[in-house]
N, C-alpha and C. Protein backbone atom coordinates (compact mmCIF):
# COMPACT_ATOMS: atom_id res chain seq x y z
N MET A 1 19.93 6.82 -8.13
CA MET A 1 18.56 6.08 -8.59
C MET A 1 17.57 6.36 -7.77
N GLU A 2 16.44 7.04 -6.96
CA GLU A 2 15.34 6.48 -6.59
C GLU A 2 14.76 5.16 -7.23
N GLU A 3 14.44 4.41 -7.18
CA GLU A 3 12.69 3.49 -6.87
C GLU A 3 12.10 4.63 -6.44
N ILE A 4 10.57 3.80 -6.58
CA ILE A 4 9.60 4.62 -5.91
C ILE A 4 8.74 3.33 -6.93
N PRO A 5 8.26 2.61 -5.53
CA PRO A 5 7.19 1.66 -5.96
C PRO A 5 6.16 1.47 -5.76
N ILE A 6 4.89 1.17 -6.74
CA ILE A 6 3.65 1.69 -6.94
C ILE A 6 2.84 0.30 -6.82
N ARG A 7 2.01 0.11 -6.64
CA ARG A 7 0.67 -0.60 -6.51
C ARG A 7 0.21 -0.93 -7.86
N GLY A 8 -0.24 -2.35 -8.70
CA GLY A 8 -0.62 -2.12 -9.52
C GLY A 8 -0.17 -2.15 -10.39
N GLU A 9 0.15 -2.48 -11.86
CA GLU A 9 0.35 -2.19 -13.10
C GLU A 9 1.07 -0.82 -14.06
N MET A 10 0.34 0.72 -13.34
CA MET A 10 0.77 2.03 -14.24
C MET A 10 -0.17 3.06 -12.89
N ILE A 11 0.81 3.79 -13.19
CA ILE A 11 0.65 4.79 -12.52
C ILE A 11 0.80 6.01 -13.27
N ARG A 12 0.35 7.33 -12.73
CA ARG A 12 0.21 8.53 -13.68
C ARG A 12 1.29 9.15 -13.28
N LEU A 13 1.47 9.95 -13.97
CA LEU A 13 2.98 10.65 -14.07
C LEU A 13 2.66 11.35 -13.06
N GLY A 14 1.36 12.70 -13.16
CA GLY A 14 1.23 13.52 -12.31
C GLY A 14 1.43 13.03 -10.88
N GLN A 15 0.87 11.86 -10.31
CA GLN A 15 0.78 11.27 -9.31
C GLN A 15 2.01 9.85 -8.51
N LEU A 16 3.19 10.44 -9.58
CA LEU A 16 4.48 8.86 -9.48
C LEU A 16 5.44 10.82 -8.39
N LEU A 17 4.92 11.85 -9.80
CA LEU A 17 6.67 12.89 -8.49
C LEU A 17 5.47 13.06 -7.87
N LYS A 18 4.21 13.32 -7.14
CA LYS A 18 3.40 14.49 -5.86
C LYS A 18 3.77 12.64 -4.78
N LEU A 19 4.08 11.60 -5.23
CA LEU A 19 4.17 10.88 -4.44
C LEU A 19 5.87 10.05 -4.12
N ALA A 20 6.45 10.30 -4.94
CA ALA A 20 7.82 10.98 -4.87
C ALA A 20 8.62 12.13 -4.63
N GLY A 21 7.57 13.02 -4.03
CA GLY A 21 7.82 14.46 -2.65
C GLY A 21 8.31 15.46 -3.98
N ALA A 22 7.95 15.11 -5.18
CA ALA A 22 9.16 16.17 -6.59
C ALA A 22 8.09 17.43 -6.44
N ILE A 23 6.50 17.28 -6.10
CA ILE A 23 5.91 18.52 -6.63
C ILE A 23 4.98 18.16 -5.29
N GLY A 24 4.05 20.15 -4.15
CA GLY A 24 3.90 18.80 -3.74
C GLY A 24 1.90 19.60 -4.07
N SER A 25 1.71 19.77 -5.11
CA SER A 25 0.43 19.95 -5.42
C SER A 25 0.23 19.42 -7.16
N GLY A 26 -0.76 19.36 -7.73
CA GLY A 26 -1.04 19.32 -9.56
C GLY A 26 -0.68 20.53 -9.77
N ALA A 27 -2.01 21.09 -8.95
CA ALA A 27 -0.83 22.76 -9.72
C ALA A 27 1.13 23.34 -10.15
N GLU A 28 1.36 22.91 -9.39
CA GLU A 28 2.84 22.70 -9.46
C GLU A 28 3.46 22.19 -10.05
N GLY A 29 2.95 20.35 -10.17
CA GLY A 29 3.36 20.03 -11.26
C GLY A 29 3.05 20.65 -12.40
N LYS A 30 1.48 20.95 -12.78
CA LYS A 30 1.82 21.01 -14.25
C LYS A 30 3.05 22.47 -14.45
N ALA A 31 3.20 23.89 -13.07
CA ALA A 31 3.98 24.17 -14.43
C ALA A 31 5.27 23.34 -14.89
N LEU A 32 5.58 22.91 -13.18
CA LEU A 32 7.55 21.43 -13.79
C LEU A 32 7.08 21.51 -14.89
N LEU A 33 6.22 20.55 -15.14
CA LEU A 33 5.63 20.25 -16.56
C LEU A 33 5.54 20.55 -17.44
N ALA A 34 5.03 22.14 -17.75
CA ALA A 34 4.73 23.19 -18.69
C ALA A 34 7.08 23.48 -18.67
N ALA A 35 7.45 23.43 -17.50
CA ALA A 35 7.86 23.96 -18.04
C ALA A 35 9.88 23.65 -18.66
N GLY A 36 8.80 22.46 -19.10
CA GLY A 36 9.99 21.78 -19.65
C GLY A 36 11.29 21.48 -19.00
N GLU A 37 11.02 20.21 -17.55
CA GLU A 37 11.99 20.49 -17.03
C GLU A 37 11.93 18.75 -16.42
N VAL A 38 10.91 17.76 -17.01
CA VAL A 38 10.69 16.38 -16.34
C VAL A 38 10.77 15.34 -18.04
N THR A 39 11.55 14.85 -18.03
CA THR A 39 11.18 13.97 -18.64
C THR A 39 11.34 11.89 -18.52
N VAL A 40 10.64 11.41 -19.00
CA VAL A 40 9.96 9.90 -18.90
C VAL A 40 11.24 9.35 -20.15
N ASN A 41 11.58 8.25 -19.52
CA ASN A 41 13.15 7.51 -20.44
C ASN A 41 13.86 8.29 -21.14
N GLY A 42 14.00 9.49 -20.94
CA GLY A 42 15.27 10.51 -21.82
C GLY A 42 14.06 11.44 -22.90
N ASP A 43 12.61 11.79 -22.62
CA ASP A 43 11.48 12.03 -23.78
C ASP A 43 11.14 12.82 -22.48
N PRO A 44 11.38 14.45 -24.21
CA PRO A 44 10.24 15.34 -22.68
C PRO A 44 8.94 15.50 -22.58
N GLU A 45 8.48 15.63 -21.42
CA GLU A 45 7.42 14.87 -20.96
C GLU A 45 6.40 16.12 -20.36
N ASP A 46 4.72 16.76 -20.76
CA ASP A 46 4.26 17.77 -20.44
C ASP A 46 2.84 17.60 -20.61
N ARG A 47 2.41 16.29 -20.35
CA ARG A 47 1.30 15.26 -19.51
C ARG A 47 1.06 14.94 -18.24
N ARG A 48 0.16 15.33 -17.29
CA ARG A 48 0.63 14.54 -15.80
C ARG A 48 -0.04 14.03 -16.24
N GLY A 49 -1.11 13.09 -17.22
CA GLY A 49 -1.55 12.38 -16.92
C GLY A 49 -0.84 10.82 -18.27
N ARG A 50 1.04 11.22 -18.03
CA ARG A 50 0.59 9.84 -19.07
C ARG A 50 0.99 8.79 -17.64
N GLN A 51 0.95 7.65 -19.56
CA GLN A 51 1.10 6.98 -17.65
C GLN A 51 2.17 5.76 -18.13
N LEU A 52 2.92 5.78 -16.90
CA LEU A 52 4.25 5.12 -16.48
C LEU A 52 3.75 3.74 -16.19
N HIS A 53 5.24 2.62 -16.46
CA HIS A 53 4.46 0.93 -15.64
C HIS A 53 6.42 0.51 -15.16
N PRO A 54 6.17 -0.19 -13.96
CA PRO A 54 7.87 -0.55 -13.64
C PRO A 54 8.89 -1.12 -15.16
N GLY A 55 9.96 -0.74 -14.44
CA GLY A 55 10.89 -0.22 -15.37
C GLY A 55 11.13 1.25 -16.18
N ASP A 56 10.46 2.61 -15.92
CA ASP A 56 10.60 3.72 -16.73
C ASP A 56 11.41 5.09 -16.10
N VAL A 57 11.15 5.11 -15.97
CA VAL A 57 12.81 6.54 -15.45
C VAL A 57 12.51 7.87 -15.87
N VAL A 58 11.89 8.19 -14.91
CA VAL A 58 11.55 9.76 -14.44
C VAL A 58 12.94 10.60 -14.84
N VAL A 59 12.25 12.04 -15.01
CA VAL A 59 14.03 13.04 -14.44
C VAL A 59 13.16 13.53 -13.99
N VAL A 60 13.33 14.23 -12.77
CA VAL A 60 12.88 15.28 -12.66
C VAL A 60 14.23 16.36 -12.10
N GLY A 61 14.75 17.29 -12.54
CA GLY A 61 15.74 18.70 -11.70
C GLY A 61 16.35 17.25 -11.86
N ASP A 62 17.67 16.63 -10.91
CA ASP A 62 18.68 16.37 -10.16
C ASP A 62 18.47 14.76 -9.65
N ARG A 63 16.92 14.93 -10.21
CA ARG A 63 16.54 13.03 -9.28
C ARG A 63 16.12 12.80 -10.04
N GLN A 64 16.81 11.71 -10.49
CA GLN A 64 16.35 10.25 -11.03
C GLN A 64 15.43 9.46 -10.46
N LEU A 65 14.05 9.08 -10.47
CA LEU A 65 13.65 7.82 -10.24
C LEU A 65 13.62 7.10 -10.98
N LEU A 66 12.87 5.54 -10.59
CA LEU A 66 12.58 3.89 -11.60
C LEU A 66 11.54 4.05 -10.52
N VAL A 67 10.72 4.23 -10.97
CA VAL A 67 9.10 3.61 -11.78
C VAL A 67 9.32 1.79 -11.74
N VAL A 68 9.58 1.12 -10.19
CA VAL A 68 8.56 -0.33 -9.73
C VAL A 68 7.90 -0.87 -9.27
N ALA A 69 7.51 -2.19 -9.73
CA ALA A 69 6.56 -3.22 -9.02
C ALA A 69 6.08 -3.04 -7.25
N THR A 70 5.70 -2.78 -6.28
CA THR A 70 5.29 -3.63 -4.69
C THR A 70 5.74 -4.81 -5.72
N LYS A 71 6.60 -4.85 -4.67
CA LYS A 71 6.60 -6.59 -4.25
C LYS A 71 5.94 -6.42 -3.32
N THR A 72 4.50 -8.43 -3.70
CA THR A 72 3.61 -8.22 -2.89
C THR A 72 3.64 -9.86 -2.80
N SER A 73 3.75 -9.92 -1.74
CA SER A 73 3.28 -11.67 -1.25
C SER A 73 2.60 -12.80 -1.82
N SER A 74 2.36 -13.50 -2.21
CA SER A 74 1.53 -14.60 -3.22
C SER A 74 0.33 -15.49 -1.73
N ALA A 75 1.52 -15.46 -0.62
CA ALA A 75 0.45 -16.63 0.52
C ALA A 75 -0.74 -15.99 1.18
N ALA A 76 -2.22 -17.07 1.02
CA ALA A 76 -3.47 -16.98 0.89
C ALA A 76 -3.42 -16.03 2.62
N PRO A 77 -4.02 -15.10 3.15
CA PRO A 77 -4.89 -14.67 3.61
C PRO A 77 -4.85 -15.69 5.36
N PRO A 78 -4.87 -15.86 6.25
CA PRO A 78 -4.78 -16.32 7.49
C PRO A 78 -6.42 -17.12 7.49
N GLY A 79 -6.06 -17.91 7.50
CA GLY A 79 -7.15 -19.29 7.63
C GLY A 79 -8.74 -18.42 5.79
N ALA A 80 -7.68 -18.59 4.55
CA ALA A 80 -8.65 -18.60 3.61
C ALA A 80 -7.84 -19.84 3.78
N SER A 81 -9.21 -20.07 2.02
CA SER A 81 -9.24 -21.40 1.03
C SER A 81 -9.36 -21.99 0.80
N SER A 82 -7.74 -22.30 -0.14
CA SER A 82 -6.76 -22.21 -1.15
C SER A 82 -8.12 -23.23 -2.10
N ARG A 83 -9.15 -24.26 -1.35
CA ARG A 83 -10.37 -24.47 -2.35
C ARG A 83 -11.47 -23.68 -2.36
N ARG A 84 -11.43 -23.72 -4.00
CA ARG A 84 -12.50 -23.39 -4.35
C ARG A 84 -14.18 -24.18 -4.27
N ASN A 85 -15.64 -23.35 -4.00
CA ASN A 85 -16.39 -23.89 -3.67
C ASN A 85 -16.29 -25.20 -3.06
N ALA A 86 -15.96 -25.20 -2.07
CA ALA A 86 -15.34 -25.47 -0.99
C ALA A 86 -17.04 -26.38 -0.16
N PRO A 87 -17.07 -26.50 0.20
CA PRO A 87 -17.87 -28.03 1.22
C PRO A 87 -18.72 -27.04 3.00
């Protein structure tokens, strides 16, 4: 299973397919979905705009894609103050 990291908490199915390199264009994605070749969490999906969240599994052909959240650092950038409204 391939992990596909996303920024934020949601990505649309068409964007994920392009990010993972499963399709080259939106039109290609539309055709792939219309042919019933994509499942999300085991259910057939035909909507490019389907919202996906970390933990969702997308199957395209023989590829299994796991949506994962990007790991971000909680440290403040250099020079940033941790106090708000400091004098």
